[in-house]
Protein backbone atom coordinates (compact mmCIF):
# COMPACT_ATOMS: atom_id res chain seq x y z
CA MET A 1 21.65 75.22 136.64
CA LYS A 2 21.68 74.59 132.90
CA SER A 3 18.45 75.73 131.30
CA ARG A 4 16.25 73.10 129.74
CA ILE A 5 16.42 73.10 125.95
CA PRO A 6 12.95 73.14 124.38
CA ARG A 7 12.37 70.59 121.68
CA ILE A 8 10.04 69.43 118.95
CA SER A 9 9.86 65.64 118.91
CA THR A 10 8.63 62.95 116.54
CA ARG A 11 10.24 60.12 118.54
CA ASP A 12 8.42 56.77 118.11
CA PHE A 13 6.46 58.18 115.17
CA TYR A 14 8.28 55.92 112.69
CA ASP A 15 9.38 52.28 112.62
CA LEU A 16 13.17 52.07 113.06
CA GLY A 17 13.37 48.94 110.91
CA SER A 18 11.30 50.03 107.93
CA GLY A 19 10.61 53.76 108.16
CA LYS A 20 6.87 53.09 108.21
CA LYS A 21 4.80 55.82 109.82
CA LEU A 22 3.31 54.73 113.16
CA LYS A 23 1.49 57.85 114.38
CA SER A 24 -0.76 60.31 112.61
CA LYS A 25 0.03 63.31 114.81
CA SER A 26 2.54 65.85 113.55
CA TYR A 27 4.79 66.42 116.59
CA ASP A 28 5.10 66.69 120.35
CA LEU A 29 6.42 69.77 122.16
CA TYR A 30 8.51 69.85 125.37
CA PRO A 31 7.87 71.90 127.41
CA LYS A 32 4.61 73.07 125.87
CA LYS A 33 4.63 76.29 127.85
CA PHE A 34 7.74 77.52 126.06
CA PHE A 35 6.02 77.38 122.68
CA GLU A 36 3.03 79.27 124.04
CA THR A 37 5.07 82.20 125.35
CA LEU A 38 7.05 83.40 122.33
CA VAL A 39 5.37 86.80 122.28
CA GLY A 40 8.11 89.38 121.82
CA VAL A 41 10.80 86.78 121.05
CA PRO A 42 12.35 87.93 117.74
CA GLU A 43 13.76 84.59 116.58
CA ILE A 44 14.65 80.98 117.32
CA THR A 45 17.15 78.54 115.86
CA ILE A 46 16.06 74.93 115.38
CA MET A 47 18.87 72.34 115.47
CA ILE A 48 18.28 69.02 113.66
CA HIS A 49 20.66 66.19 114.56
CA GLY A 50 22.00 63.41 112.33
CA LEU A 51 21.85 59.62 112.06
CA ARG A 52 22.56 57.23 114.96
CA ASN A 53 21.13 59.49 117.67
CA ASN A 54 18.77 58.18 120.32
CA LYS A 55 16.90 60.57 122.62
CA SER A 56 19.87 61.27 124.87
CA GLY A 57 22.24 61.61 121.91
CA ALA A 58 19.90 64.15 120.34
CA LEU A 59 19.73 66.16 123.57
CA ALA A 60 23.52 66.23 123.70
CA LYS A 61 23.63 67.73 120.18
CA PHE A 62 21.09 70.38 121.14
CA SER A 63 23.21 71.31 124.15
CA ILE A 64 26.31 71.61 121.95
CA ALA A 65 24.44 73.92 119.58
CA GLN A 66 23.10 76.06 122.41
CA ASN A 67 26.48 76.40 124.10
CA ARG A 68 28.35 77.24 120.92
CA LEU A 69 25.83 79.83 119.76
CA ARG A 70 25.90 81.47 123.18
CA GLN A 71 29.69 81.62 122.95
CA LEU A 72 29.27 83.42 119.64
CA GLY A 73 26.90 85.97 121.19
CA TYR A 74 23.59 84.53 119.99
CA GLU A 75 21.01 85.52 122.61
CA TYR A 76 17.86 83.84 121.32
CA PRO A 77 16.37 80.41 122.07
CA VAL A 78 17.83 77.26 120.53
CA VAL A 79 15.20 74.56 119.94
CA GLY A 80 15.94 70.90 119.20
CA PHE A 81 14.16 68.74 116.63
CA SER A 82 14.37 65.11 117.79
CA TYR A 83 13.38 62.32 115.41
CA ASP A 84 13.83 58.56 114.92
CA SER A 85 17.34 58.42 113.52
CA ASN A 86 18.74 55.48 115.50
CA THR A 87 17.66 52.98 112.85
CA LYS A 88 17.98 49.24 113.40
CA GLY A 89 21.33 47.71 112.46
CA ILE A 90 23.09 50.99 111.61
CA GLN A 91 26.08 49.92 113.74
CA TYR A 92 26.67 46.76 111.66
CA LYS A 93 28.31 46.81 108.23
CA SER A 94 26.08 44.00 107.03
CA CYS A 95 23.01 46.18 107.73
CA GLU A 96 24.37 49.66 107.09
CA LYS A 97 22.91 50.07 103.59
CA LYS A 98 19.37 49.25 104.65
CA ALA A 99 19.66 51.16 107.91
CA THR A 100 20.98 54.25 106.08
CA ASN A 101 18.16 54.06 103.55
CA VAL A 102 15.58 53.75 106.34
CA GLY A 103 17.16 56.76 108.05
CA ARG A 104 16.80 58.75 104.85
CA ILE A 105 13.18 57.65 104.46
CA ILE A 106 12.44 58.81 108.01
CA ALA A 107 14.30 62.09 107.44
CA ARG A 108 12.31 62.75 104.29
CA GLN A 109 9.00 62.08 106.04
CA ASN A 110 10.00 64.36 108.91
CA GLY A 111 10.01 67.20 106.39
CA HIS A 112 6.23 67.06 106.76
CA ASN A 113 6.43 67.11 110.56
CA LEU A 114 8.84 70.02 110.85
CA SER A 115 7.10 72.04 108.14
CA LYS A 116 3.81 71.61 110.01
CA PHE A 117 5.43 72.98 113.16
CA ILE A 118 6.81 75.98 111.25
CA ILE A 119 3.40 76.73 109.73
CA ASP A 120 1.72 76.41 113.15
CA ILE A 121 4.21 78.56 115.05
CA LYS A 122 4.28 81.24 112.35
CA SER A 123 0.49 81.41 112.41
CA LYS A 124 0.67 82.22 116.14
CA PHE A 125 3.75 84.44 115.94
CA PRO A 126 3.96 85.86 112.39
CA HIS A 127 7.03 88.00 113.10
CA LEU A 128 9.09 85.17 114.60
CA LYS A 129 12.24 84.52 112.56
CA ILE A 130 13.23 80.88 112.21
CA ARG A 131 16.73 79.62 111.46
CA LEU A 132 17.45 75.96 110.69
CA MET A 133 20.72 74.24 111.60
CA GLY A 134 21.27 70.66 110.43
CA HIS A 135 24.09 68.20 111.00
CA SER A 136 24.64 65.22 108.67
CA LEU A 137 21.23 63.55 108.05
CA GLY A 138 19.58 66.61 109.58
CA SER A 139 20.31 68.31 106.27
CA GLU A 140 17.84 65.99 104.54
CA VAL A 141 15.15 66.83 107.09
CA ILE A 142 15.73 70.51 106.27
CA ILE A 143 15.63 70.02 102.49
CA HIS A 144 12.34 68.14 102.66
CA THR A 145 10.91 70.61 105.18
CA LEU A 146 11.52 73.45 102.75
CA ALA A 147 10.09 71.36 99.92
CA LYS A 148 6.86 71.07 101.92
CA LEU A 149 6.91 74.86 102.41
CA LYS A 150 7.35 75.58 98.70
CA ASN A 151 4.32 77.87 98.59
CA LYS A 152 5.63 80.04 101.45
CA ASN A 153 7.93 82.92 100.52
CA ASP A 154 10.77 83.72 102.95
CA VAL A 155 9.27 81.53 105.69
CA VAL A 156 12.71 80.55 107.02
CA GLU A 157 15.31 83.21 107.72
CA SER A 158 18.47 81.18 107.08
CA VAL A 159 19.82 77.63 106.85
CA TYR A 160 23.13 76.16 108.06
CA PHE A 161 24.42 72.75 106.98
CA PHE A 162 27.26 70.99 108.82
CA GLY A 163 28.72 67.80 107.34
CA ALA A 164 25.57 67.45 105.26
CA SER A 165 24.80 63.95 104.04
CA THR A 166 22.17 65.13 101.57
CA PRO A 167 23.23 64.56 97.93
CA ALA A 168 24.86 67.68 96.49
CA ASP A 169 22.51 67.82 93.52
CA TYR A 170 19.55 68.34 95.86
CA ILE A 171 20.35 72.05 96.03
CA THR A 172 20.66 72.55 92.26
CA PRO A 173 17.88 74.22 90.26
CA LYS A 174 16.95 70.83 88.78
CA LYS A 175 16.09 69.49 92.24
CA PHE A 176 15.22 71.72 95.22
CA GLY A 177 17.37 74.78 94.50
CA ARG A 178 14.53 77.01 93.31
CA ILE A 179 12.43 76.05 96.33
CA LEU A 180 15.26 76.91 98.72
CA GLN A 181 15.74 80.22 96.94
CA LYS A 182 12.06 81.02 97.48
CA THR A 183 11.49 79.74 101.00
CA VAL A 184 14.72 81.02 102.62
CA ARG A 185 14.84 84.78 103.09
CA HIS A 186 18.52 85.44 103.62
CA LYS A 187 21.10 82.67 103.09
CA ILE A 188 21.93 78.97 102.95
CA ILE A 189 25.46 78.21 104.22
CA ASN A 190 27.07 74.82 103.65
CA TYR A 191 30.04 74.04 105.91
CA TYR A 192 31.74 71.16 104.11
CA ASN A 193 34.90 69.14 104.67
CA PRO A 194 36.63 67.17 101.87
CA GLN A 195 38.40 65.16 104.60
CA ASP A 196 35.23 64.15 106.46
CA GLU A 197 35.90 60.45 107.10
CA VAL A 198 32.26 59.42 107.62
CA LEU A 199 30.97 61.12 104.48
CA LYS A 200 33.98 59.88 102.50
CA TYR A 201 33.14 56.31 103.52
CA ALA A 202 29.45 56.83 102.68
CA TYR A 203 30.40 58.17 99.25
CA GLU A 204 33.00 55.53 98.39
CA THR A 205 30.79 52.63 99.46
CA GLY A 206 27.72 53.97 97.65
CA LEU A 207 25.67 54.63 100.78
CA ILE A 208 25.08 58.24 99.68
CA GLU A 209 25.62 59.79 96.27
CA LYS A 210 28.06 62.75 96.43
CA PRO A 211 27.27 64.09 99.93
CA LEU A 212 27.04 67.87 99.99
CA GLY A 213 29.11 68.04 103.18
CA TYR A 214 31.96 66.09 101.60
CA CYS A 215 31.98 67.12 97.94
CA GLY A 216 30.49 70.59 98.17
CA LEU A 217 28.57 71.82 95.15
CA HIS A 218 30.18 72.15 91.75
CA GLY A 219 28.29 74.04 89.09
CA LYS A 220 25.12 76.06 89.08
CA SER A 221 23.44 76.96 92.34
CA MET A 222 21.25 79.83 93.58
CA SER A 223 22.25 83.29 94.71
CA LYS A 224 21.45 82.68 98.39
CA TYR A 225 23.74 79.64 98.61
CA VAL A 226 27.25 79.93 100.02
CA GLN A 227 29.66 77.12 100.84
CA LYS A 228 32.60 77.29 103.22
CA LYS A 229 35.34 74.67 103.40
CA VAL A 230 36.23 73.87 107.00
CA THR A 231 38.57 71.41 108.71
CA PRO A 232 36.89 69.99 111.82
CA LYS A 233 38.65 67.15 113.66
CA ASN A 234 36.04 64.61 112.57
CA HIS A 235 32.41 64.20 111.49
CA ARG A 236 30.94 64.71 114.95
CA PHE A 237 28.73 67.75 115.42
CA VAL A 238 30.85 69.02 118.29
CA SER A 239 33.80 69.26 115.87
CA TYR A 240 31.79 71.20 113.28
CA ALA A 241 30.41 73.51 115.95
CA ALA A 242 33.94 74.25 117.12
CA VAL A 243 34.95 75.64 113.70
CA LEU A 244 31.89 77.92 113.46
CA LYS A 245 33.26 81.45 113.75
CA SER A 246 30.09 83.55 113.72
CA PHE A 247 26.33 83.23 113.90
CA PRO A 248 23.96 84.08 112.36
């Protein structure tokens, strides 16, 4: 029987039509027992999905991450971070601009939620290493999580972006680059694809300014940042996972 993938959830915490915060709590945990029994576990990887994922879609992405990392010999727990990314009207061209903007608003606010979890779990298990893996809009959740952790040195072990929709300039020193350099202990790897059809469309229609997963970064970055050009079949996370050759 397939093991249940533990997850951190902020589902129904935000309004899918406006991005307005609906709940004051920071997150829910499923199953709670898993997060209480991490004594002796050396590390976990948290996977953050992208836009247009409901609860079941998010769980499917977590399963893909878990299966691929196991194939690559990763023996530690994979945890999912599930948030309100299935914004209203995202499937319609007439609404896509607003729905994308609302998704980005929700992703940004979830930086607070995920950072709070990281602070809480590290207070209980100080030696636990945490790796963050984000697909598409999940990259923005990660950026804003690290921004909230700006006073914590080396709190996250490493970061992996796949088809990142976050603007490329977010990781420059003028934006969040110095914070990433401080909060990430080891490395930030950006797997980008200049043929990514979804990010190309988002860029050419002005939905997102120069997506990191499509354009890569040109110019000054930080020493812990590495980018790797890959050629997945399409923008789906399963395609990006398939081209991942090693982890961590």
